[in-house]
PDB file of N, CA and C in Angstrom:
ATOM      1  N   UNK A   1     -26.489  24.400 -18.554  1.00  0.00           N
ATOM      2  CA  UNK A   1     -26.675  23.561 -17.431  1.00  0.00           C
ATOM      3  C   UNK A   1     -26.394  22.073 -17.776  1.00  0.00           C
ATOM      4  N   UNK A   2     -26.600  21.498 -18.678  1.00  0.00           N
ATOM      5  CA  UNK A   2     -26.365  20.188 -19.072  1.00  0.00           C
ATOM      6  C   UNK A   2     -24.711  20.208 -19.226  1.00  0.00           C
ATOM      7  N   UNK A   3     -24.312  21.137 -19.932  1.00  0.00           N
ATOM      8  CA  UNK A   3     -22.781  21.219 -20.168  1.00  0.00           C
ATOM      9  C   UNK A   3     -22.101  21.242 -18.969  1.00  0.00           C
ATOM     10  N   UNK A   4     -22.422  21.944 -18.132  1.00  0.00           N
ATOM     11  CA  UNK A   4     -21.676  22.093 -16.666  1.00  0.00           C
ATOM     12  C   UNK A   4     -21.818  20.637 -16.021  1.00  0.00           C
ATOM     13  N   UNK A   5     -22.858  20.052 -16.075  1.00  0.00           N
ATOM     14  CA  UNK A   5     -23.135  18.731 -15.388  1.00  0.00           C
ATOM     15  C   UNK A   5     -22.216  17.753 -16.164  1.00  0.00           C
ATOM     16  N   UNK A   6     -22.093  17.719 -17.568  1.00  0.00           N
ATOM     17  CA  UNK A   6     -21.126  16.727 -18.087  1.00  0.00           C
ATOM     18  C   UNK A   6     -19.700  17.196 -17.920  1.00  0.00           C
ATOM     19  N   UNK A   7     -19.369  18.244 -17.923  1.00  0.00           N
ATOM     20  CA  UNK A   7     -17.978  18.891 -17.592  1.00  0.00           C
ATOM     21  C   UNK A   7     -17.543  18.239 -16.101  1.00  0.00           C
ATOM     22  N   UNK A   8     -18.435  18.566 -15.351  1.00  0.00           N
ATOM     23  CA  UNK A   8     -18.140  18.189 -13.930  1.00  0.00           C
ATOM     24  C   UNK A   8     -17.993  16.529 -13.770  1.00  0.00           C
ATOM     25  N   UNK A   9     -18.903  15.901 -14.476  1.00  0.00           N
ATOM     26  CA  UNK A   9     -18.882  14.465 -14.458  1.00  0.00           C
ATOM     27  C   UNK A   9     -17.530  13.920 -14.980  1.00  0.00           C
ATOM     28  N   UNK A  10     -17.123  14.482 -16.144  1.00  0.00           N
ATOM     29  CA  UNK A  10     -15.869  14.169 -16.834  1.00  0.00           C
ATOM     30  C   UNK A  10     -14.700  14.445 -15.833  1.00  0.00           C
ATOM     31  N   UNK A  11     -14.718  15.437 -15.143  1.00  0.00           N
ATOM     32  CA  UNK A  11     -13.586  15.807 -14.210  1.00  0.00           C
ATOM     33  C   UNK A  11     -13.611  14.776 -13.056  1.00  0.00           C
ATOM     34  N   UNK A  12     -14.770  14.422 -12.558  1.00  0.00           N
ATOM     35  CA  UNK A  12     -14.886  13.450 -11.347  1.00  0.00           C
ATOM     36  C   UNK A  12     -14.324  12.118 -11.860  1.00  0.00           C
ATOM     37  N   UNK A  13     -14.651  11.719 -13.099  1.00  0.00           N
ATOM     38  CA  UNK A  13     -14.190  10.352 -13.541  1.00  0.00           C
ATOM     39  C   UNK A  13     -12.505  10.435 -13.682  1.00  0.00           C
ATOM     40  N   UNK A  14     -12.015  11.433 -14.327  1.00  0.00           N
ATOM     41  CA  UNK A  14     -10.676  11.614 -14.397  1.00  0.00           C
ATOM     42  C   UNK A  14      -9.977  11.649 -13.150  1.00  0.00           C
ATOM     43  N   UNK A  15     -10.548  12.294 -12.108  1.00  0.00           N
ATOM     44  CA  UNK A  15     -10.116  12.238 -10.642  1.00  0.00           C
ATOM     45  C   UNK A  15     -10.008  10.769 -10.123  1.00  0.00           C
ATOM     46  N   UNK A  16     -11.028  10.067 -10.260  1.00  0.00           N
ATOM     47  CA  UNK A  16     -11.150   8.634  -9.967  1.00  0.00           C
ATOM     48  C   UNK A  16     -10.105   7.802 -10.475  1.00  0.00           C
ATOM     49  N   UNK A  17     -10.072   7.881 -11.772  1.00  0.00           N
ATOM     50  CA  UNK A  17      -9.139   7.059 -12.442  1.00  0.00           C
ATOM     51  C   UNK A  17      -7.747   7.310 -12.102  1.00  0.00           C
ATOM     52  N   UNK A  18      -7.360   8.572 -11.943  1.00  0.00           N
ATOM     53  CA  UNK A  18      -6.141   9.100 -11.659  1.00  0.00           C
ATOM     54  C   UNK A  18      -5.644   8.694 -10.090  1.00  0.00           C
ATOM     55  N   UNK A  19      -6.813   8.411  -9.306  1.00  0.00           N
ATOM     56  CA  UNK A  19      -6.545   7.982  -7.971  1.00  0.00           C
ATOM     57  C   UNK A  19      -6.098   6.575  -7.715  1.00  0.00           C
ATOM     58  N   UNK A  20      -6.404   5.696  -8.768  1.00  0.00           N
ATOM     59  CA  UNK A  20      -6.172   4.378  -8.639  1.00  0.00           C
ATOM     60  C   UNK A  20      -4.748   4.209  -8.560  1.00  0.00           C
ATOM     61  N   UNK A  21      -4.088   3.352  -7.651  1.00  0.00           N
ATOM     62  CA  UNK A  21      -2.532   3.197  -7.662  1.00  0.00           C
ATOM     63  C   UNK A  21      -2.136   2.110  -8.573  1.00  0.00           C
ATOM     64  N   UNK A  22      -3.039   1.458  -9.297  1.00  0.00           N
ATOM     65  CA  UNK A  22      -2.524   0.486 -10.371  1.00  0.00           C
ATOM     66  C   UNK A  22      -2.750   1.177 -11.766  1.00  0.00           C
ATOM     67  N   UNK A  23      -1.811   0.785 -12.743  1.00  0.00           N
ATOM     68  CA  UNK A  23      -1.979   1.245 -14.033  1.00  0.00           C
ATOM     69  C   UNK A  23      -3.351   1.094 -14.556  1.00  0.00           C
ATOM     70  N   UNK A  24      -4.092   2.137 -15.066  1.00  0.00           N
ATOM     71  CA  UNK A  24      -5.507   1.905 -15.295  1.00  0.00           C
ATOM     72  C   UNK A  24      -5.700   2.820 -16.715  1.00  0.00           C
ATOM     73  N   UNK A  25      -6.364   2.310 -17.709  1.00  0.00           N
ATOM     74  CA  UNK A  25      -6.812   3.109 -18.746  1.00  0.00           C
ATOM     75  C   UNK A  25      -8.267   2.812 -19.268  1.00  0.00           C
ATOM     76  N   UNK A  26      -8.743   3.709 -20.023  1.00  0.00           N
ATOM     77  CA  UNK A  26     -10.016   3.604 -20.478  1.00  0.00           C
ATOM     78  C   UNK A  26     -10.109   3.617 -22.122  1.00  0.00           C
ATOM     79  N   UNK A  27     -10.790   2.632 -22.752  1.00  0.00           N
ATOM     80  CA  UNK A  27     -10.756   2.437 -24.023  1.00  0.00           C
ATOM     81  C   UNK A  27     -12.337   2.984 -24.551  1.00  0.00           C
ATOM     82  N   UNK A  28     -12.243   3.886 -25.612  1.00  0.00           N
ATOM     83  CA  UNK A  28     -13.499   4.551 -26.179  1.00  0.00           C
ATOM     84  C   UNK A  28     -14.138   3.378 -27.035  1.00  0.00           C
ATOM     85  N   UNK A  29     -15.371   3.802 -27.586  1.00  0.00           N
ATOM     86  CA  UNK A  29     -16.165   2.944 -28.476  1.00  0.00           C
ATOM     87  C   UNK A  29     -15.352   2.722 -29.733  1.00  0.00           C
ATOM     88  N   UNK A  30     -14.533   3.636 -30.107  1.00  0.00           N
ATOM     89  CA  UNK A  30     -13.722   3.443 -31.172  1.00  0.00           C
ATOM     90  C   UNK A  30     -12.286   2.636 -31.173  1.00  0.00           C
ATOM     91  N   UNK A  31     -12.404   2.032 -29.857  1.00  0.00           N
ATOM     92  CA  UNK A  31     -11.212   1.023 -29.551  1.00  0.00           C
ATOM     93  C   UNK A  31      -9.891   1.786 -29.429  1.00  0.00           C
ATOM     94  N   UNK A  32      -9.957   3.124 -29.089  1.00  0.00           N
ATOM     95  CA  UNK A  32      -8.846   3.888 -28.719  1.00  0.00           C
ATOM     96  C   UNK A  32      -8.753   4.286 -27.211  1.00  0.00           C
ATOM     97  N   UNK A  33      -7.544   4.333 -26.714  1.00  0.00           N
ATOM     98  CA  UNK A  33      -7.397   4.735 -25.279  1.00  0.00           C
ATOM     99  C   UNK A  33      -7.740   6.242 -25.232  1.00  0.00           C
ATOM    100  N   UNK A  34      -8.784   6.580 -24.385  1.00  0.00           N
ATOM    101  CA  UNK A  34      -9.129   7.921 -24.283  1.00  0.00           C
ATOM    102  C   UNK A  34      -8.522   8.656 -22.955  1.00  0.00           C
ATOM    103  N   UNK A  35      -8.120   7.926 -21.908  1.00  0.00           N
ATOM    104  CA  UNK A  35      -7.528   8.454 -20.733  1.00  0.00           C
ATOM    105  C   UNK A  35      -6.829   7.256 -20.015  1.00  0.00           C
ATOM    106  N   UNK A  36      -5.636   7.682 -19.252  1.00  0.00           N
ATOM    107  CA  UNK A  36      -5.022   6.784 -18.466  1.00  0.00           C
ATOM    108  C   UNK A  36      -4.450   7.620 -17.246  1.00  0.00           C
ATOM    109  N   UNK A  37      -4.127   6.755 -16.251  1.00  0.00           N
ATOM    110  CA  UNK A  37      -3.631   7.401 -14.976  1.00  0.00           C
ATOM    111  C   UNK A  37      -2.197   7.696 -14.935  1.00  0.00           C
ATOM    112  N   UNK A  38      -1.705   8.226 -13.761  1.00  0.00           N
ATOM    113  CA  UNK A  38      -0.359   8.583 -13.612  1.00  0.00           C
ATOM    114  C   UNK A  38       0.409   7.140 -13.365  1.00  0.00           C
ATOM    115  N   UNK A  39      -0.217   6.223 -12.863  1.00  0.00           N
ATOM    116  CA  UNK A  39       0.572   4.961 -12.738  1.00  0.00           C
ATOM    117  C   UNK A  39       0.751   4.490 -14.102  1.00  0.00           C
ATOM    118  N   UNK A  40      -0.024   4.432 -14.994  1.00  0.00           N
ATOM    119  CA  UNK A  40       0.106   4.073 -16.388  1.00  0.00           C
ATOM    120  C   UNK A  40       1.186   4.959 -17.050  1.00  0.00           C
ATOM    121  N   UNK A  41       1.330   6.195 -16.742  1.00  0.00           N
ATOM    122  CA  UNK A  41       2.387   6.965 -17.407  1.00  0.00           C
ATOM    123  C   UNK A  41       3.800   6.609 -16.801  1.00  0.00           C
ATOM    124  N   UNK A  42       3.809   6.147 -15.606  1.00  0.00           N
ATOM    125  CA  UNK A  42       5.137   5.757 -15.107  1.00  0.00           C
ATOM    126  C   UNK A  42       5.514   4.350 -15.754  1.00  0.00           C
ATOM    127  N   UNK A  43       4.537   3.502 -15.957  1.00  0.00           N
ATOM    128  CA  UNK A  43       4.702   2.124 -16.541  1.00  0.00           C
ATOM    129  C   UNK A  43       5.243   2.320 -18.039  1.00  0.00           C
ATOM    130  N   UNK A  44       4.402   3.250 -18.810  1.00  0.00           N
ATOM    131  CA  UNK A  44       4.687   3.232 -20.182  1.00  0.00           C
ATOM    132  C   UNK A  44       5.732   4.309 -20.518  1.00  0.00           C
ATOM    133  N   UNK A  45       6.054   5.283 -19.708  1.00  0.00           N
ATOM    134  CA  UNK A  45       7.093   6.408 -19.854  1.00  0.00           C
ATOM    135  C   UNK A  45       6.401   7.334 -20.866  1.00  0.00           C
ATOM    136  N   UNK A  46       4.902   7.313 -21.115  1.00  0.00           N
ATOM    137  CA  UNK A  46       4.369   8.350 -22.062  1.00  0.00           C
ATOM    138  C   UNK A  46       3.613   9.243 -20.976  1.00  0.00           C
ATOM    139  N   UNK A  47       3.724  10.476 -21.191  1.00  0.00           N
ATOM    140  CA  UNK A  47       2.951  11.552 -20.331  1.00  0.00           C
ATOM    141  C   UNK A  47       1.840  12.131 -21.265  1.00  0.00           C
ATOM    142  N   UNK A  48       0.613  12.029 -20.588  1.00  0.00           N
ATOM    143  CA  UNK A  48      -0.568  12.404 -21.373  1.00  0.00           C
ATOM    144  C   UNK A  48      -0.980  13.896 -20.852  1.00  0.00           C
ATOM    145  N   UNK A  49      -1.140  14.783 -21.811  1.00  0.00           N
ATOM    146  CA  UNK A  49      -1.580  16.187 -21.514  1.00  0.00           C
ATOM    147  C   UNK A  49      -3.087  16.274 -21.592  1.00  0.00           C
ATOM    148  N   UNK A  50      -3.821  16.647 -20.617  1.00  0.00           N
ATOM    149  CA  UNK A  50      -5.349  16.734 -20.778  1.00  0.00           C
ATOM    150  C   UNK A  50      -5.781  18.133 -21.024  1.00  0.00           C
TER     151      UNK A  50
END
């Protein structure tokens, strides 16, 4: 039950970030980029596989 909630929440956040028209990324506690959106892929030329 909790795993389903966390998985669903993660997917919602990914959808929200990917929806932004501006290049956007998220940095984790370890100071590494953990996700970025399609606009960032266009700017950087790096495609991220989820």
